[in-house]
Amino acid sequence: MMYDICIVGSGAGASPVAYELSKAGAKVVVLEKGPWLTEKEFFKDELAISLRDSYNPDLNDEQHVIEEEYEDSHGHTYWDGEATSESGWSFWNGSVVGGSSNFMSGYFHRLKPVDFKLKSEFGDIEGANIADWPISYDEMEPYYAKVEKVVGVSGKSVPHPYQEPRSTDFPFPPTAEHAVSSWIDKSAKEIGFHSIPVPRAVLSQPAMGRRSCEYSGYCSSYGCSSGAKGSGRAALLNHGVATGNLNIIANAKVHFIESDDNGEVSAVHYYNAKGDKQKVTAKIYVVACQAVETSRLLLSSKGQKHPQGLANNNGLVGKNLVFSAGGTGRGDFEFKNLTEQQIAEITQVGPFINRALQDWYVIEDEQFSGANKKGRAKGGTIDFLFYQNPIARASGSQWDDEGDLMWGENLKKSLFEEFTTYKTLRFEVFNDWLPTDDCFVTLDDEVTDKWGDPVARIRIGAHDQDVEVGEYLAQKGAKLLEQMGATNISTSVSSAPPPNLMAGGCRFGDDPKTSVLNKDCRAHDVPNLYVTDASFMPTGGSVPYTFTIYANSFRVADKIKAHWQSLSA
């Protein structure tokens, strides 16, 4: 069968296109490497989530090679790679229908107008390849509003110094809030900070055939068993399938995209669950495999008109990869220092904290030295949370003060104290990972996956300013914890990337010489190919990416719909 639209991947970048085009009457096929799981098949097994990668490939079957920078005995730096089957470092984020959108925390902050014009606002930064987006916040705003309504975002808009313009209010009221949220509000006000509610891609009330949140306390890294979380599967793909126009082929590992003598895509080749080779054909093709794998697939798909890989005639596929910079912080609230009412409040189980700080989304501080223009730099977001997984919380309690592993009564005592004498409040910092020449994706020359295809080799070099901004923000988060009365306050900011937050590799822009995609996310040199995951992003912004991936995919879906309709006229 010849489809109208073939989509590789099924996550936040793929599902809006599948949803919109199938609703419009197009015959759409989605190829997803992983299985098709439903709410009934997601489980809240802490051991499975924390110690076994239940929703991702075995690293002996599918892996990556990660290049890190080292220093030799003479002080000279060099890059060297290690396969993740050896290191155990996984860059997979959910190989199931709906992709990693099934396992997100649901922080749905919009990008702000400044994120779209980083170069214009801050000028060139030495060692960074920053660029303005070819579209503005105003062009993206209607699609942010659409995601809030269609995917389901619960929240409340309050004024704060860097509040982005909105055309609509949130369609669903905020999710139930943890009692500690009021502690944060009070302490923030006392020191002149502006705490803001965190919008969540989690339904606070039943809607669109989905149940509301059940407040189990298990969201991040877990699939949602109620359907309240706005995954691409629950919110969009299920509805697309209901039209009768969307066919989802699970357990379909795409390994090659074929192009014809004119340079257009002519077929997508994949292995089915049995390992047999299959292919599908369509009029228009969309790749949305998540940033690293999208670049790997395009680089692997060489053809007569694309000797360096599909859409790579300018050699830019895989370049300017970005992650989310930042770090974490924590502080303990010891029960001996709290009233009975405070202990009851802080040990509440289930509701979200739903609080963030964005007072320093743009840093304007003469004491900050990390920017080109002294004291002024792009800042970021601080989100507050508790440990959701008790095993992750307990894992740090098995070591004594000397770093020795404890057993028996000493271990029991340590675990008892961990869970009965204090509660730790954490925060996460999100700021820009500046694109550089030392962060990119290529094909590895030696390591292959279980099908014999080359795996992605990822260099993860970071810009010094990423860490400086992260440390600045972490100190602000620590100051709030101190005001709240926390003890044992600590922060951790590093240049090691969070593998669940990746973007870039197929930058969009107006100039074919400096970008892979045009402003509609259509490949400059492949007329019937679009890329709709986070690969398009020239810069990542200072919030988690999923909301913007959704919004942009809805925007591009309108362009693809017009393209398809023109072919069908």
Protein backbone atom coordinates (compact mmCIF):
# COMPACT_ATOMS: atom_id res chain seq x y z
CA MET A 1 0.00 0.00 0.00
CA MET A 2 1.13 3.51 -0.80
CA TYR A 3 0.54 5.78 2.19
CA ASP A 4 0.15 9.53 2.08
CA ILE A 5 2.40 10.11 5.10
CA CYS A 6 5.04 7.83 6.60
CA ILE A 7 6.31 8.82 10.06
CA VAL A 8 9.39 7.27 11.68
CA GLY A 9 8.98 7.51 15.46
CA SER A 10 5.91 8.03 17.62
CA GLY A 11 6.79 10.50 20.39
CA ALA A 12 6.09 14.19 20.93
CA GLY A 13 7.51 15.14 17.52
CA ALA A 14 5.60 12.46 15.61
CA SER A 15 2.22 12.15 17.30
CA PRO A 16 0.82 15.64 16.44
CA VAL A 17 1.57 15.06 12.74
CA ALA A 18 -0.07 11.63 12.85
CA TYR A 19 -3.07 13.06 14.72
CA GLU A 20 -3.62 16.08 12.46
CA LEU A 21 -3.06 14.34 9.14
CA SER A 22 -5.20 11.30 9.96
CA LYS A 23 -8.01 13.64 11.08
CA ALA A 24 -7.68 15.45 7.75
CA GLY A 25 -8.25 12.20 5.87
CA ALA A 26 -4.66 11.30 4.93
CA LYS A 27 -3.57 7.67 5.09
CA VAL A 28 -0.79 7.69 7.68
CA VAL A 29 1.60 4.99 8.86
CA VAL A 30 3.75 5.29 12.00
CA LEU A 31 6.81 3.05 12.40
CA GLU A 32 7.83 2.61 16.03
CA LYS A 33 10.83 0.55 17.12
CA GLY A 34 9.27 -0.48 20.45
CA PRO A 35 6.07 -2.27 21.51
CA TRP A 36 2.60 -0.81 21.78
CA LEU A 37 1.81 -0.71 25.51
CA THR A 38 -1.44 0.48 27.05
CA GLU A 39 -2.35 1.89 30.47
CA LYS A 40 -2.98 -1.63 31.76
CA GLU A 41 0.61 -2.62 30.94
CA PHE A 42 2.37 0.25 32.72
CA PHE A 43 3.44 -0.63 36.23
CA LYS A 44 4.83 1.19 39.27
CA ASP A 45 7.60 -1.22 40.15
CA GLU A 46 10.37 0.87 41.71
CA LEU A 47 12.97 -1.86 41.30
CA ALA A 48 12.18 -2.29 37.61
CA ILE A 49 12.40 1.43 36.95
CA SER A 50 15.48 2.28 39.03
CA LEU A 51 17.66 -0.76 38.41
CA ARG A 52 16.37 -2.23 35.16
CA ASP A 53 15.78 -0.21 31.99
CA SER A 54 12.35 -1.72 31.43
CA TYR A 55 11.23 0.41 28.49
CA ASN A 56 14.48 0.66 26.57
CA PRO A 57 16.64 -1.70 24.49
CA ASP A 58 19.26 -3.95 26.01
CA LEU A 59 22.57 -2.12 25.61
CA ASN A 60 24.16 -5.28 24.26
CA ASP A 61 21.70 -5.12 21.37
CA GLU A 62 21.49 -1.39 20.77
CA GLN A 63 23.91 1.13 22.14
CA HIS A 64 25.81 4.33 21.51
CA VAL A 65 29.44 5.34 21.71
CA ILE A 66 30.00 8.38 23.95
CA GLU A 67 33.05 10.57 23.40
CA GLU A 68 34.33 12.47 26.42
CA GLU A 69 37.29 14.81 26.84
CA TYR A 70 40.31 13.61 28.81
CA GLU A 71 43.67 15.04 29.79
CA ASP A 72 46.98 13.16 29.42
CA SER A 73 49.98 13.32 31.76
CA HIS A 74 51.37 16.29 29.82
CA GLY A 75 48.23 18.35 30.25
CA HIS A 76 47.06 17.86 26.67
CA THR A 77 43.37 17.19 26.14
CA TYR A 78 41.98 14.55 23.80
CA TRP A 79 38.65 12.87 23.01
CA ASP A 80 37.99 9.19 23.46
CA GLY A 81 34.86 7.08 23.10
CA GLU A 82 33.35 4.22 25.06
CA ALA A 83 30.41 2.03 24.08
CA THR A 84 27.45 2.32 26.42
CA SER A 85 27.32 -1.48 26.66
CA GLU A 86 30.58 -1.09 28.60
CA SER A 87 29.82 2.07 30.58
CA GLY A 88 26.15 1.34 31.30
CA TRP A 89 25.32 4.94 30.38
CA SER A 90 22.02 4.77 28.47
CA PHE A 91 20.92 7.46 26.01
CA TRP A 92 17.59 5.72 25.32
CA ASN A 93 14.44 7.38 26.61
CA GLY A 94 11.52 5.09 25.92
CA SER A 95 11.30 2.67 23.00
CA VAL A 96 7.52 2.24 23.05
CA VAL A 97 4.60 3.73 21.13
CA GLY A 98 4.48 7.35 22.30
CA GLY A 99 8.22 7.36 22.98
CA SER A 100 9.65 9.23 25.93
CA SER A 101 6.47 11.31 26.28
CA ASN A 102 5.14 8.31 28.26
CA PHE A 103 7.79 8.82 30.95
CA MET A 104 8.16 12.60 31.30
CA SER A 105 7.51 14.54 34.51
CA GLY A 106 5.14 16.79 32.60
CA TYR A 107 6.79 20.16 33.38
CA PHE A 108 5.21 22.19 30.57
CA HIS A 109 6.90 25.58 30.62
CA ARG A 110 6.74 27.52 27.36
CA LEU A 111 9.84 28.98 25.83
CA LYS A 112 9.91 32.75 26.13
CA PRO A 113 10.39 35.35 23.38
CA VAL A 114 14.07 35.74 24.30
CA ASP A 115 14.69 32.04 23.57
CA PHE A 116 13.92 32.61 19.90
CA LYS A 117 16.55 35.32 19.46
CA LEU A 118 19.51 34.37 21.61
CA LYS A 119 22.08 35.81 19.19
CA SER A 120 20.21 39.08 18.74
CA GLU A 121 19.81 39.52 22.49
CA PHE A 122 23.26 38.50 23.68
CA GLY A 123 25.50 38.73 20.63
CA ASP A 124 28.14 36.23 19.62
CA ILE A 125 29.55 34.08 22.40
CA GLU A 126 33.09 32.87 21.80
CA GLY A 127 33.18 29.12 21.25
CA ALA A 128 29.41 28.83 20.77
CA ASN A 129 27.41 28.46 17.54
CA ILE A 130 24.33 30.32 18.66
CA ALA A 131 21.75 31.44 16.12
CA ASP A 132 18.35 33.09 16.17
CA TRP A 133 15.36 30.93 15.28
CA PRO A 134 13.81 31.61 11.87
CA ILE A 135 10.42 31.92 13.59
CA SER A 136 9.28 34.04 16.53
CA TYR A 137 7.49 33.34 19.77
CA ASP A 138 4.39 34.96 18.26
CA GLU A 139 4.36 32.34 15.50
CA MET A 140 4.65 29.51 18.01
CA GLU A 141 2.21 30.90 20.59
CA PRO A 142 -1.05 29.64 18.99
CA TYR A 143 0.42 26.15 18.92
CA TYR A 144 1.41 26.28 22.58
CA ALA A 145 -2.24 27.13 23.25
CA LYS A 146 -3.35 24.23 21.04
CA VAL A 147 -1.16 21.76 22.93
CA GLU A 148 -2.59 22.95 26.23
CA LYS A 149 -6.10 22.24 24.97
CA VAL A 150 -5.60 19.05 22.90
CA VAL A 151 -2.87 17.27 24.87
CA GLY A 152 -4.22 18.57 28.16
CA VAL A 153 -2.22 20.97 30.34
CA SER A 154 -3.34 21.87 33.85
CA GLY A 155 -2.12 25.13 35.32
CA LYS A 156 -2.63 28.69 36.46
CA SER A 157 -1.03 31.80 35.02
CA VAL A 158 0.33 34.34 37.50
CA PRO A 159 2.29 37.53 36.79
CA HIS A 160 6.06 37.37 37.23
CA PRO A 161 9.04 39.27 35.82
CA TYR A 162 9.53 37.04 32.79
CA GLN A 163 5.94 35.99 32.08
CA GLU A 164 5.57 35.21 28.39
CA PRO A 165 2.53 36.58 26.46
CA ARG A 166 -0.50 34.26 26.34
CA SER A 167 -3.58 34.33 24.09
CA THR A 168 -5.59 31.97 26.33
CA ASP A 169 -5.78 30.80 29.92
CA PHE A 170 -5.03 27.19 30.81
CA PRO A 171 -7.92 24.92 29.77
CA PHE A 172 -7.69 22.80 32.93
CA PRO A 173 -7.29 23.93 36.55
CA PRO A 174 -4.02 23.14 38.36
CA THR A 175 -3.43 19.65 39.64
CA ALA A 176 -3.71 19.14 43.40
CA GLU A 177 -0.74 20.74 45.14
CA HIS A 178 1.45 19.43 47.90
CA ALA A 179 1.33 21.32 51.19
CA VAL A 180 5.00 22.24 50.79
CA SER A 181 4.00 24.47 47.86
CA SER A 182 2.73 27.05 50.37
CA TRP A 183 6.05 26.84 52.26
CA ILE A 184 7.86 27.73 49.07
CA ASP A 185 5.47 30.62 48.33
CA LYS A 186 5.92 32.09 51.80
CA SER A 187 9.71 31.88 51.86
CA ALA A 188 10.07 33.15 48.31
CA LYS A 189 7.98 36.22 49.11
CA GLU A 190 10.08 36.90 52.22
CA ILE A 191 13.29 37.20 50.18
CA GLY A 192 11.83 38.91 47.11
CA PHE A 193 11.58 35.85 44.82
CA HIS A 194 8.51 35.10 42.69
CA SER A 195 7.37 31.49 42.97
CA ILE A 196 5.13 30.43 40.10
CA PRO A 197 2.82 27.44 39.59
CA VAL A 198 4.22 24.80 37.24
CA PRO A 199 1.94 23.85 34.36
CA ARG A 200 1.63 20.07 34.04
CA ALA A 201 0.76 17.92 31.04
CA VAL A 202 -1.41 15.96 33.44
CA LEU A 203 -5.21 16.16 33.49
CA SER A 204 -6.62 17.54 36.73
CA GLN A 205 -10.10 16.40 35.64
CA PRO A 206 -11.37 13.75 33.22
CA ALA A 207 -11.39 14.84 29.58
CA MET A 208 -11.05 13.56 26.03
CA GLY A 209 -11.76 9.97 27.04
CA ARG A 210 -8.96 9.97 29.64
CA ARG A 211 -9.13 9.75 33.41
CA SER A 212 -7.76 12.46 35.67
CA CYS A 213 -4.61 12.17 37.78
CA GLU A 214 -4.82 9.65 40.63
CA TYR A 215 -1.90 11.24 42.54
CA SER A 216 0.04 8.06 43.07
CA GLY A 217 3.27 10.03 43.30
CA TYR A 218 4.85 8.15 40.39
CA CYS A 219 5.25 10.25 37.26
CA SER A 220 8.85 10.77 36.17
CA SER A 221 10.24 7.64 34.47
CA TYR A 222 6.90 5.86 34.88
CA GLY A 223 4.16 5.22 32.34
CA CYS A 224 0.79 6.61 33.43
CA SER A 225 -1.74 3.89 34.25
CA SER A 226 -4.69 6.33 34.36
CA GLY A 227 -4.11 8.04 31.01
CA ALA A 228 -3.95 11.44 32.71
CA LYS A 229 -0.41 12.18 31.53
CA GLY A 230 -0.34 13.84 28.11
CA SER A 231 1.76 11.28 26.28
CA GLY A 232 1.67 11.23 22.50
CA ARG A 233 0.07 7.80 22.71
CA ALA A 234 -2.76 8.63 25.14
CA ALA A 235 -3.52 12.16 23.97
CA LEU A 236 -3.06 11.91 20.20
CA LEU A 237 -2.25 8.54 18.63
CA ASN A 238 -5.22 6.75 20.16
CA HIS A 239 -7.52 9.36 18.61
CA GLY A 240 -5.70 9.13 15.29
CA VAL A 241 -6.18 5.37 15.19
CA ALA A 242 -9.90 5.88 15.89
CA THR A 243 -10.24 7.77 12.57
CA GLY A 244 -9.42 4.60 10.66
CA ASN A 245 -6.70 6.50 8.76
CA LEU A 246 -3.73 5.82 11.05
CA ASN A 247 -1.82 2.53 11.05
CA ILE A 248 0.79 2.09 13.79
CA ILE A 249 3.36 -0.64 13.12
CA ALA A 250 5.10 -1.45 16.41
CA ASN A 251 8.39 -3.33 16.77
CA ALA A 252 9.52 -1.80 13.48
CA LYS A 253 13.20 -0.87 13.58
CA VAL A 254 13.90 1.53 10.69
CA HIS A 255 17.44 1.15 9.39
CA PHE A 256 17.48 2.90 6.00
CA ILE A 257 15.63 5.64 4.14
CA GLU A 258 15.88 5.14 0.39
CA SER A 259 16.08 8.06 -2.03
CA ASP A 260 15.57 8.09 -5.79
CA ASP A 261 17.56 9.59 -8.67
CA ASN A 262 15.95 12.99 -8.01
CA GLY A 263 17.06 12.95 -4.38
CA GLU A 264 13.54 12.51 -2.96
CA VAL A 265 12.67 9.82 -0.44
CA SER A 266 11.15 6.78 -2.15
CA ALA A 267 10.85 4.20 0.67
CA VAL A 268 11.58 3.46 4.31
CA HIS A 269 13.16 0.11 5.17
CA TYR A 270 12.72 -1.57 8.54
CA TYR A 271 13.13 -4.85 10.41
CA ASN A 272 9.94 -6.31 11.87
CA ALA A 273 9.67 -8.13 15.20
CA LYS A 274 10.98 -11.34 13.60
CA GLY A 275 13.98 -9.55 12.08
CA ASP A 276 12.60 -9.76 8.55
CA LYS A 277 13.26 -6.83 6.21
CA GLN A 278 10.19 -4.80 5.23
CA LYS A 279 9.54 -1.46 3.54
CA VAL A 280 6.81 1.13 3.19
CA THR A 281 6.26 3.84 0.60
CA ALA A 282 4.50 7.18 0.88
CA LYS A 283 4.19 10.60 -0.72
CA ILE A 284 5.62 12.52 2.25
CA TYR A 285 8.03 11.29 4.91
CA VAL A 286 8.57 12.51 8.47
CA VAL A 287 11.48 11.55 10.74
CA ALA A 288 11.04 12.01 14.49
CA CYS A 289 13.25 9.44 16.26
CA GLN A 290 14.62 11.81 18.95
CA ALA A 291 17.63 13.95 18.19
CA VAL A 292 20.52 11.46 18.29
CA GLU A 293 18.76 8.65 16.43
CA THR A 294 17.33 10.98 13.81
CA SER A 295 20.84 12.16 12.92
CA ARG A 296 22.12 8.58 12.95
CA LEU A 297 19.36 7.41 10.61
CA LEU A 298 19.88 10.28 8.16
CA LEU A 299 23.65 9.78 8.13
CA SER A 300 23.13 6.05 7.48
CA SER A 301 20.76 6.70 4.57
CA LYS A 302 23.19 7.46 1.76
CA GLY A 303 22.06 7.65 -1.83
CA GLN A 304 23.19 8.80 -5.28
CA LYS A 305 22.12 12.39 -4.59
CA HIS A 306 23.07 12.17 -0.90
CA PRO A 307 26.54 10.59 -0.68
CA GLN A 308 27.12 11.96 2.85
CA GLY A 309 23.72 10.88 4.13
CA LEU A 310 20.16 12.02 3.57
CA ALA A 311 19.67 15.80 3.81
CA ASN A 312 23.39 16.13 4.53
CA ASN A 313 24.78 17.66 1.38
CA ASN A 314 26.01 20.64 3.43
CA GLY A 315 27.59 18.32 6.03
CA LEU A 316 25.52 19.68 8.93
CA VAL A 317 23.43 16.66 9.95
CA GLY A 318 24.44 15.71 13.49
CA LYS A 319 26.13 19.07 14.16
CA ASN A 320 25.13 21.50 16.91
CA LEU A 321 23.66 18.84 19.16
CA VAL A 322 22.47 20.28 22.47
CA PHE A 323 21.28 18.93 25.78
CA SER A 324 19.78 20.76 28.76
CA ALA A 325 22.42 22.30 30.97
CA GLY A 326 21.94 22.76 34.69
CA GLY A 327 22.05 20.57 37.75
CA THR A 328 20.33 19.81 41.03
CA GLY A 329 20.15 20.93 44.62
CA ARG A 330 18.70 19.59 47.85
CA GLY A 331 17.99 20.42 51.44
CA ASP A 332 16.75 18.35 54.39
CA PHE A 333 13.86 19.17 56.69
CA GLU A 334 14.59 17.39 59.94
CA PHE A 335 11.49 16.30 61.81
CA LYS A 336 13.01 17.24 65.17
CA ASN A 337 12.91 20.88 64.05
CA LEU A 338 9.29 20.76 62.82
CA THR A 339 5.89 20.89 64.50
CA GLU A 340 3.52 17.93 64.24
CA GLN A 341 1.47 19.83 61.69
CA GLN A 342 4.56 20.58 59.59
CA ILE A 343 5.61 16.91 59.70
CA ALA A 344 2.13 15.91 58.53
CA GLU A 345 2.33 18.42 55.69
CA ILE A 346 5.79 17.53 54.43
CA THR A 347 5.13 13.78 54.51
CA GLN A 348 1.97 14.14 52.42
CA VAL A 349 2.02 11.62 49.56
CA GLY A 350 0.77 12.13 46.02
CA PRO A 351 0.14 15.74 44.96
CA PHE A 352 2.71 17.67 42.93
CA ILE A 353 4.79 20.46 44.40
CA ASN A 354 4.12 22.50 41.25
CA ARG A 355 6.45 25.40 42.03
CA ALA A 356 9.22 27.00 40.02
CA LEU A 357 11.40 30.11 39.95
CA GLN A 358 12.12 32.06 36.76
CA ASP A 359 13.30 35.34 38.26
CA TRP A 360 16.65 34.93 36.51
CA TYR A 361 15.49 33.79 33.10
CA VAL A 362 17.72 36.62 31.98
CA ILE A 363 20.60 37.25 34.37
CA GLU A 364 21.34 40.94 34.88
CA ASP A 365 23.87 40.98 37.66
CA GLU A 366 27.19 42.82 37.61
CA GLN A 367 28.61 40.12 39.88
CA PHE A 368 28.01 37.45 37.22
CA SER A 369 31.10 37.13 35.02
CA GLY A 370 30.20 34.29 32.66
CA ALA A 371 28.63 36.37 29.91
CA ASN A 372 30.25 38.21 27.05
CA LYS A 373 28.49 41.34 28.16
CA LYS A 374 29.46 41.60 31.78
CA GLY A 375 26.63 40.77 34.09
CA ARG A 376 24.09 39.87 31.41
CA ALA A 377 23.38 36.37 30.19
CA LYS A 378 20.56 34.01 29.41
CA GLY A 379 19.50 32.35 32.70
CA GLY A 380 16.97 29.62 33.35
CA THR A 381 14.36 27.82 35.43
CA ILE A 382 14.38 26.18 38.86
CA ASP A 383 11.73 23.48 39.51
CA PHE A 384 11.09 21.88 42.92
CA LEU A 385 10.30 18.20 43.56
CA PHE A 386 10.60 15.24 45.93
CA TYR A 387 12.20 11.87 45.28
CA GLN A 388 9.51 9.76 43.63
CA ASN A 389 11.29 6.45 43.85
CA PRO A 390 12.02 5.09 47.35
CA ILE A 391 14.77 2.81 46.02
CA ALA A 392 16.58 5.80 44.55
CA ARG A 393 16.20 7.53 47.91
CA ALA A 394 17.42 4.50 49.84
CA SER A 395 20.43 3.86 47.60
CA GLY A 396 22.41 6.66 49.23
CA SER A 397 21.81 5.27 52.70
CA GLN A 398 23.84 2.11 52.29
CA TRP A 399 27.21 3.85 52.78
CA ASP A 400 28.72 5.07 56.04
CA ASP A 401 30.58 8.35 56.60
CA GLU A 402 33.85 6.73 55.48
CA GLY A 403 32.31 5.51 52.23
CA ASP A 404 32.15 1.85 53.27
CA LEU A 405 29.18 -0.34 52.40
CA MET A 406 26.99 -1.12 55.42
CA TRP A 407 25.29 -4.42 56.26
CA GLY A 408 22.92 -5.82 58.89
CA GLU A 409 21.89 -3.66 61.84
CA ASN A 410 23.89 -0.64 60.68
CA LEU A 411 22.12 -0.72 57.33
CA LYS A 412 18.72 -1.14 58.98
CA LYS A 413 19.41 1.83 61.25
CA SER A 414 20.53 3.99 58.34
CA LEU A 415 17.43 3.15 56.27
CA PHE A 416 15.15 3.71 59.27
CA GLU A 417 16.63 7.16 59.82
CA GLU A 418 16.41 7.97 56.12
CA PHE A 419 12.67 7.40 55.99
CA THR A 420 11.57 8.47 59.47
CA THR A 421 13.68 11.42 60.60
CA TYR A 422 13.72 13.89 57.70
CA LYS A 423 12.40 14.65 54.22
CA THR A 424 14.52 16.01 51.39
CA LEU A 425 13.25 18.75 49.09
CA ARG A 426 15.07 18.89 45.77
CA PHE A 427 15.24 21.29 42.87
CA GLU A 428 16.35 20.94 39.27
CA VAL A 429 18.01 23.69 37.26
CA PHE A 430 17.37 24.06 33.53
CA ASN A 431 19.46 26.44 31.42
CA ASP A 432 20.77 26.63 27.87
CA TRP A 433 23.34 24.14 26.61
CA LEU A 434 25.16 26.33 24.11
CA PRO A 435 25.82 24.58 20.77
CA THR A 436 29.52 24.11 20.05
CA ASP A 437 31.80 22.33 17.59
CA ASP A 438 32.44 19.73 20.30
CA CYS A 439 28.90 18.40 20.63
CA PHE A 440 27.67 16.37 17.68
CA VAL A 441 26.59 12.99 16.30
CA THR A 442 28.44 10.85 13.77
CA LEU A 443 28.42 7.17 12.84
CA ASP A 444 30.82 4.93 14.70
CA ASP A 445 33.32 3.13 12.48
CA GLU A 446 33.43 -0.08 14.52
CA VAL A 447 30.48 -0.60 16.85
CA THR A 448 27.22 -1.92 15.38
CA ASP A 449 23.81 -2.85 16.72
CA LYS A 450 22.35 -6.35 16.67
CA TRP A 451 21.29 -5.92 13.04
CA GLY A 452 24.84 -5.02 11.99
CA ASP A 453 24.12 -1.32 11.41
CA PRO A 454 26.53 1.37 12.68
CA VAL A 455 25.54 3.05 15.94
CA ALA A 456 25.64 6.73 16.78
CA ARG A 457 28.88 8.15 18.14
CA ILE A 458 28.07 11.14 20.37
CA ARG A 459 30.60 13.77 21.43
CA ILE A 460 29.32 15.59 24.51
CA GLY A 461 31.49 18.68 24.85
CA ALA A 462 29.92 21.58 26.78
CA HIS A 463 30.57 25.32 26.87
CA ASP A 464 32.02 26.77 30.09
CA GLN A 465 29.18 29.29 30.35
CA ASP A 466 26.63 26.48 30.71
CA VAL A 467 28.14 25.50 34.05
CA GLU A 468 28.59 29.11 35.20
CA VAL A 469 24.92 29.89 34.57
CA GLY A 470 23.84 26.63 36.20
CA GLU A 471 25.89 27.37 39.32
CA TYR A 472 24.45 30.89 39.54
CA LEU A 473 20.90 29.53 39.43
CA ALA A 474 21.67 26.70 41.85
CA GLN A 475 22.77 29.22 44.46
CA LYS A 476 19.42 30.98 44.12
CA GLY A 477 17.63 27.68 44.71
CA ALA A 478 19.86 27.01 47.73
CA LYS A 479 19.05 30.47 49.12
CA LEU A 480 15.34 29.65 49.03
CA LEU A 481 15.91 26.32 50.80
CA GLU A 482 17.88 28.14 53.47
CA GLN A 483 15.04 30.62 53.95
CA MET A 484 12.64 27.69 54.32
CA GLY A 485 14.74 26.30 57.18
CA ALA A 486 16.36 23.37 55.39
CA THR A 487 19.64 21.87 56.59
CA ASN A 488 22.41 19.95 54.80
CA ILE A 489 21.89 22.11 51.72
CA SER A 490 23.99 21.14 48.71
CA THR A 491 24.05 21.72 44.95
CA SER A 492 25.56 19.85 42.03
CA VAL A 493 26.13 21.36 38.59
CA SER A 494 28.27 19.70 35.94
CA SER A 495 28.88 19.57 32.20
CA ALA A 496 27.65 15.96 32.01
CA PRO A 497 24.48 15.98 29.88
CA PRO A 498 21.11 14.57 30.97
CA PRO A 499 20.48 12.00 28.23
CA ASN A 500 16.69 12.42 28.46
CA LEU A 501 16.88 16.05 27.27
CA MET A 502 18.52 16.24 23.84
CA ALA A 503 17.91 18.46 20.83
CA GLY A 504 19.60 19.78 17.69
CA GLY A 505 21.50 17.91 15.02
CA CYS A 506 19.22 19.07 12.17
CA ARG A 507 19.05 22.82 12.79
CA PHE A 508 16.33 24.77 11.00
CA GLY A 509 16.95 28.14 9.36
CA ASP A 510 16.48 30.25 6.26
CA ASP A 511 19.94 29.64 4.77
CA PRO A 512 20.58 26.16 3.24
CA LYS A 513 24.31 26.72 3.76
CA THR A 514 23.97 26.94 7.54
CA SER A 515 20.94 24.76 8.30
CA VAL A 516 19.52 21.34 7.46
CA LEU A 517 15.84 22.29 7.48
CA ASN A 518 13.87 25.33 6.39
CA LYS A 519 11.55 27.19 8.78
CA ASP A 520 8.81 24.61 8.07
CA CYS A 521 11.20 21.81 9.19
CA ARG A 522 11.35 20.56 5.59
CA ALA A 523 14.79 19.40 4.46
CA HIS A 524 16.43 21.97 2.19
CA ASP A 525 17.63 19.35 -0.28
CA VAL A 526 14.90 16.68 0.10
CA PRO A 527 11.52 18.13 -0.90
CA ASN A 528 9.36 15.34 0.58
CA LEU A 529 11.19 14.96 3.93
CA TYR A 530 10.36 16.68 7.23
CA VAL A 531 12.01 16.36 10.66
CA THR A 532 9.70 17.13 13.61
CA ASP A 533 11.43 16.00 16.80
CA ALA A 534 13.74 18.29 18.79
CA SER A 535 16.42 17.98 16.10
CA PHE A 536 15.20 21.24 14.53
CA MET A 537 16.14 23.43 17.52
CA PRO A 538 19.12 25.80 17.02
CA THR A 539 19.13 26.47 20.77
CA GLY A 540 17.29 24.63 23.48
CA GLY A 541 16.03 27.30 25.81
CA SER A 542 15.92 27.07 29.59
CA VAL A 543 13.01 24.69 30.15
CA PRO A 544 12.37 20.99 29.39
CA TYR A 545 11.85 20.48 25.64
CA THR A 546 8.71 18.35 25.35
CA PHE A 547 6.15 21.19 25.28
CA THR A 548 8.00 23.00 22.50
CA ILE A 549 8.46 19.77 20.51
CA TYR A 550 4.69 19.24 20.67
CA ALA A 551 3.91 22.84 19.70
CA ASN A 552 6.33 22.89 16.79
CA SER A 553 5.06 19.53 15.55
CA PHE A 554 1.50 20.89 15.48
CA ARG A 555 2.82 23.95 13.60
CA VAL A 556 4.64 21.80 11.04
CA ALA A 557 1.61 19.49 10.75
CA ASP A 558 -0.27 22.43 9.22
CA LYS A 559 2.54 22.82 6.64
CA ILE A 560 2.56 19.09 5.85
CA LYS A 561 -1.24 19.09 5.51
CA ALA A 562 -1.02 21.90 2.93
CA HIS A 563 1.77 20.03 1.12
CA TRP A 564 -0.28 16.80 1.03
CA GLN A 565 -3.39 18.60 -0.14
CA SER A 566 -1.42 20.20 -2.98
CA LEU A 567 -0.25 16.76 -4.10
CA SER A 568 -3.81 15.44 -3.94
CA ALA A 569 -5.38 18.35 -5.84
